[in-house]
N, C-alpha and C. Protein backbone atom coordinates (compact mmCIF):
# COMPACT_ATOMS: atom_id res chain seq x y z
N UNK A 1 25.51 15.54 15.19
CA UNK A 1 24.48 15.40 14.23
C UNK A 1 22.97 15.27 14.74
N UNK A 2 22.11 16.09 14.08
CA UNK A 2 20.52 16.04 14.51
C UNK A 2 20.06 14.77 13.96
N UNK A 3 19.40 14.05 14.73
CA UNK A 3 18.63 12.75 14.22
C UNK A 3 17.37 13.37 13.38
N UNK A 4 16.93 12.32 12.34
CA UNK A 4 15.98 12.28 11.73
C UNK A 4 14.63 11.85 12.76
N UNK A 5 13.65 12.88 13.08
CA UNK A 5 12.71 12.34 13.86
C UNK A 5 11.43 11.94 13.16
N UNK A 6 10.83 10.53 13.23
CA UNK A 6 9.89 10.04 12.59
C UNK A 6 8.79 9.47 13.85
N UNK A 7 7.58 9.90 13.77
CA UNK A 7 6.73 9.56 14.50
C UNK A 7 5.33 8.77 13.69
N UNK A 8 4.85 7.76 14.10
CA UNK A 8 4.05 7.27 13.35
C UNK A 8 2.97 6.84 14.33
N UNK A 9 1.63 7.48 13.91
CA UNK A 9 0.60 7.65 14.48
C UNK A 9 0.01 5.68 14.81
N UNK A 10 -0.22 5.70 16.04
CA UNK A 10 -1.12 4.13 16.24
C UNK A 10 -2.35 4.52 16.75
N UNK A 11 -3.21 5.24 16.49
CA UNK A 11 -4.70 5.56 16.56
C UNK A 11 -5.33 4.65 15.79
N UNK A 12 -6.52 4.33 16.49
CA UNK A 12 -7.09 2.92 15.63
C UNK A 12 -7.55 3.26 13.91
N UNK A 13 -7.66 4.31 13.31
CA UNK A 13 -7.79 4.18 11.99
C UNK A 13 -6.58 4.04 11.36
N UNK A 14 -5.39 4.72 12.17
CA UNK A 14 -4.07 4.49 11.39
C UNK A 14 -3.69 2.94 11.64
N UNK A 15 -3.89 2.49 12.75
CA UNK A 15 -3.62 1.13 12.92
C UNK A 15 -4.16 0.13 12.13
N UNK A 16 -5.39 0.23 11.99
CA UNK A 16 -6.09 -0.61 11.25
C UNK A 16 -5.83 -0.38 9.41
N UNK A 17 -5.35 0.71 9.24
CA UNK A 17 -4.75 1.13 7.88
C UNK A 17 -3.55 0.92 7.52
N UNK A 18 -2.69 0.08 8.51
CA UNK A 18 -1.27 -0.19 8.15
C UNK A 18 -0.36 0.22 9.23
N UNK A 19 -0.62 0.68 9.93
CA UNK A 19 0.69 1.53 10.85
C UNK A 19 1.50 0.33 11.75
N UNK A 20 0.96 -0.79 11.84
CA UNK A 20 1.75 -1.88 12.49
C UNK A 20 2.75 -2.39 11.30
N UNK A 21 2.73 -2.27 10.22
CA UNK A 21 3.51 -2.51 9.14
C UNK A 21 4.67 -1.40 9.09
N UNK A 22 4.12 -0.17 9.27
CA UNK A 22 5.06 1.03 9.51
C UNK A 22 6.02 0.96 10.82
N UNK A 23 5.32 0.43 11.85
CA UNK A 23 5.87 0.22 13.00
C UNK A 23 7.43 -0.88 12.65
N UNK A 24 6.92 -1.98 12.05
CA UNK A 24 7.79 -3.13 12.03
C UNK A 24 9.06 -2.48 10.87
N UNK A 25 8.58 -1.64 10.13
CA UNK A 25 9.83 -1.06 9.21
C UNK A 25 10.80 -0.36 10.01
N UNK A 26 9.88 0.79 10.74
CA UNK A 26 10.83 1.79 11.65
C UNK A 26 11.61 1.00 12.30
N UNK A 27 11.17 0.24 13.15
CA UNK A 27 11.97 -0.75 14.26
C UNK A 27 13.29 -1.38 13.42
N UNK A 28 13.34 -1.88 12.19
CA UNK A 28 13.95 -2.34 11.41
C UNK A 28 15.29 -1.10 11.01
N UNK A 29 14.75 -0.07 10.51
CA UNK A 29 15.37 1.12 9.79
C UNK A 29 16.22 1.55 11.29
N UNK A 30 15.53 1.60 12.46
CA UNK A 30 16.34 2.38 13.77
C UNK A 30 17.28 1.33 13.97
N UNK A 31 17.08 0.20 14.07
CA UNK A 31 18.14 -0.59 14.37
C UNK A 31 19.67 -0.56 13.34
N UNK A 32 19.15 -0.12 12.21
CA UNK A 32 20.20 -0.29 11.29
C UNK A 32 21.01 1.45 11.16
N UNK A 33 20.23 2.04 11.45
CA UNK A 33 20.44 3.33 11.60
C UNK A 33 20.59 4.47 12.89
N UNK A 34 20.84 3.56 14.08
CA UNK A 34 20.31 4.15 15.30
C UNK A 34 21.07 5.63 15.81
N UNK A 35 21.82 5.59 14.95
CA UNK A 35 22.44 7.18 15.09
C UNK A 35 21.76 8.31 14.24
N UNK A 36 21.27 7.80 13.55
CA UNK A 36 20.68 8.88 12.62
C UNK A 36 19.22 8.82 12.65
N UNK A 37 18.62 8.14 13.37
CA UNK A 37 17.00 8.31 13.29
C UNK A 37 16.46 7.98 14.74
N UNK A 38 15.33 8.79 14.89
CA UNK A 38 14.79 8.92 16.01
C UNK A 38 13.22 8.47 16.12
N UNK A 39 13.06 7.65 16.65
CA UNK A 39 11.44 6.86 16.05
C UNK A 39 10.60 6.88 17.48
N UNK A 40 9.24 7.16 17.33
CA UNK A 40 8.44 6.93 18.49
C UNK A 40 7.25 7.02 17.72
N UNK A 41 6.05 6.66 18.49
CA UNK A 41 4.56 6.33 18.38
C UNK A 41 3.71 7.41 19.07
N UNK A 42 3.00 7.86 18.46
CA UNK A 42 1.75 8.73 18.93
C UNK A 42 0.31 8.37 18.77
N UNK A 43 -0.64 8.69 19.21
CA UNK A 43 -1.84 7.94 19.16
C UNK A 43 -2.74 9.03 18.55
N UNK A 44 -2.18 10.13 18.14
CA UNK A 44 -2.63 10.97 16.95
C UNK A 44 -1.92 11.89 16.44
N UNK A 45 -2.03 12.22 15.15
CA UNK A 45 -1.45 13.23 14.46
C UNK A 45 -2.25 14.35 13.90
N UNK A 46 -2.64 15.41 14.64
CA UNK A 46 -3.47 16.40 13.87
C UNK A 46 -4.84 15.95 13.52
N UNK A 47 -5.53 14.78 13.96
CA UNK A 47 -6.75 14.34 13.68
C UNK A 47 -7.02 14.16 12.26
N UNK A 48 -6.10 13.56 11.41
CA UNK A 48 -6.38 13.45 9.99
C UNK A 48 -6.80 12.21 9.58
N UNK A 49 -7.48 11.51 10.44
CA UNK A 49 -7.65 9.85 10.52
C UNK A 49 -8.25 9.53 9.18
N UNK A 50 -8.81 10.39 8.52
CA UNK A 50 -9.50 10.06 7.17
C UNK A 50 -8.26 9.47 6.21
N UNK A 51 -7.18 10.07 6.14
CA UNK A 51 -6.18 9.79 5.52
C UNK A 51 -5.11 9.08 6.26
N UNK A 52 -5.24 7.94 6.69
CA UNK A 52 -4.71 7.10 7.60
C UNK A 52 -4.10 5.87 6.78
N UNK A 53 -2.59 5.92 6.91
CA UNK A 53 -1.79 5.94 8.34
C UNK A 53 -1.00 7.23 8.09
N UNK A 54 -0.76 8.02 9.18
CA UNK A 54 -0.38 9.15 9.28
C UNK A 54 1.18 9.21 9.76
N UNK A 55 2.06 9.61 9.05
CA UNK A 55 3.25 9.74 9.67
C UNK A 55 3.95 11.43 9.81
N UNK A 56 4.64 11.70 10.76
CA UNK A 56 5.29 13.17 10.90
C UNK A 56 6.75 12.89 10.97
N UNK A 57 7.30 13.18 9.94
CA UNK A 57 8.90 13.56 9.58
C UNK A 57 9.81 14.65 9.83
N UNK A 58 10.34 14.92 11.19
CA UNK A 58 10.85 15.99 11.37
C UNK A 58 9.92 17.14 11.24
N UNK A 59 8.68 17.04 11.71
CA UNK A 59 7.62 18.17 11.65
C UNK A 59 6.39 18.08 10.40
N UNK A 60 7.03 17.30 9.25
CA UNK A 60 6.12 17.54 8.06
C UNK A 60 5.17 16.21 8.13
N UNK A 61 3.94 16.08 8.07
CA UNK A 61 3.25 15.12 7.83
C UNK A 61 2.81 14.77 6.66
N UNK A 62 2.78 13.39 6.61
CA UNK A 62 2.64 12.58 5.15
C UNK A 62 1.25 11.63 5.41
N UNK A 63 0.51 11.90 4.76
CA UNK A 63 -0.53 10.90 4.76
C UNK A 63 -0.59 9.74 3.87
N UNK A 64 -1.66 8.94 4.34
CA UNK A 64 -1.63 7.43 3.42
C UNK A 64 -0.42 6.85 3.42
N UNK A 65 0.43 6.63 4.17
CA UNK A 65 1.92 6.25 4.11
C UNK A 65 1.98 4.44 3.93
N UNK A 66 2.54 4.42 3.20
CA UNK A 66 3.19 2.86 3.12
C UNK A 66 4.50 2.73 3.67
N UNK A 67 4.65 1.06 3.91
CA UNK A 67 6.10 1.18 4.48
C UNK A 67 7.39 1.46 3.33
N UNK A 68 7.01 1.25 1.90
CA UNK A 68 7.94 1.52 0.98
C UNK A 68 8.18 3.06 0.61
N UNK A 69 7.08 3.80 0.82
CA UNK A 69 6.98 5.27 0.56
C UNK A 69 8.06 5.81 1.81
N UNK A 70 7.71 5.33 3.12
CA UNK A 70 8.34 6.02 4.35
C UNK A 70 9.81 5.51 4.06
N UNK A 71 10.02 4.22 3.81
CA UNK A 71 11.73 3.92 3.62
C UNK A 71 12.17 4.81 2.88
N UNK A 72 11.70 4.93 1.59
CA UNK A 72 12.21 6.11 0.67
C UNK A 72 12.59 7.25 1.25
N UNK A 73 11.53 7.64 1.76
CA UNK A 73 11.75 9.40 2.53
C UNK A 73 12.97 9.49 3.46
N UNK A 74 12.72 8.23 4.03
CA UNK A 74 13.69 8.27 5.21
C UNK A 74 15.18 8.12 4.77
N UNK A 75 15.15 7.30 3.87
CA UNK A 75 16.77 6.91 3.18
C UNK A 75 17.21 8.09 2.45
N UNK A 76 16.37 9.02 2.05
CA UNK A 76 16.60 10.49 1.25
C UNK A 76 17.10 11.29 2.08
N UNK A 77 16.71 11.07 3.35
CA UNK A 77 16.86 12.47 4.31
C UNK A 77 18.28 12.03 5.07
N UNK A 78 18.59 10.50 5.60
CA UNK A 78 19.44 10.55 6.31
C UNK A 78 21.12 10.54 5.54
């Protein structure tokens, strides 16, 4: 079974706009669904800093991400 790949940008704009909360939530989700989620952080996702925080899920980019939106998207896909 292929794991869902979730990448969270931790560049300065994304970090200042809430990436830390996304990372905390992803760490919790990964612990709960470790066989279904592959999680990593990146320092930049396609230079979309103006719409921070940015998350890429299986290659699809999401802007202005919140922990609630991220959790909802992930739980729909796993």
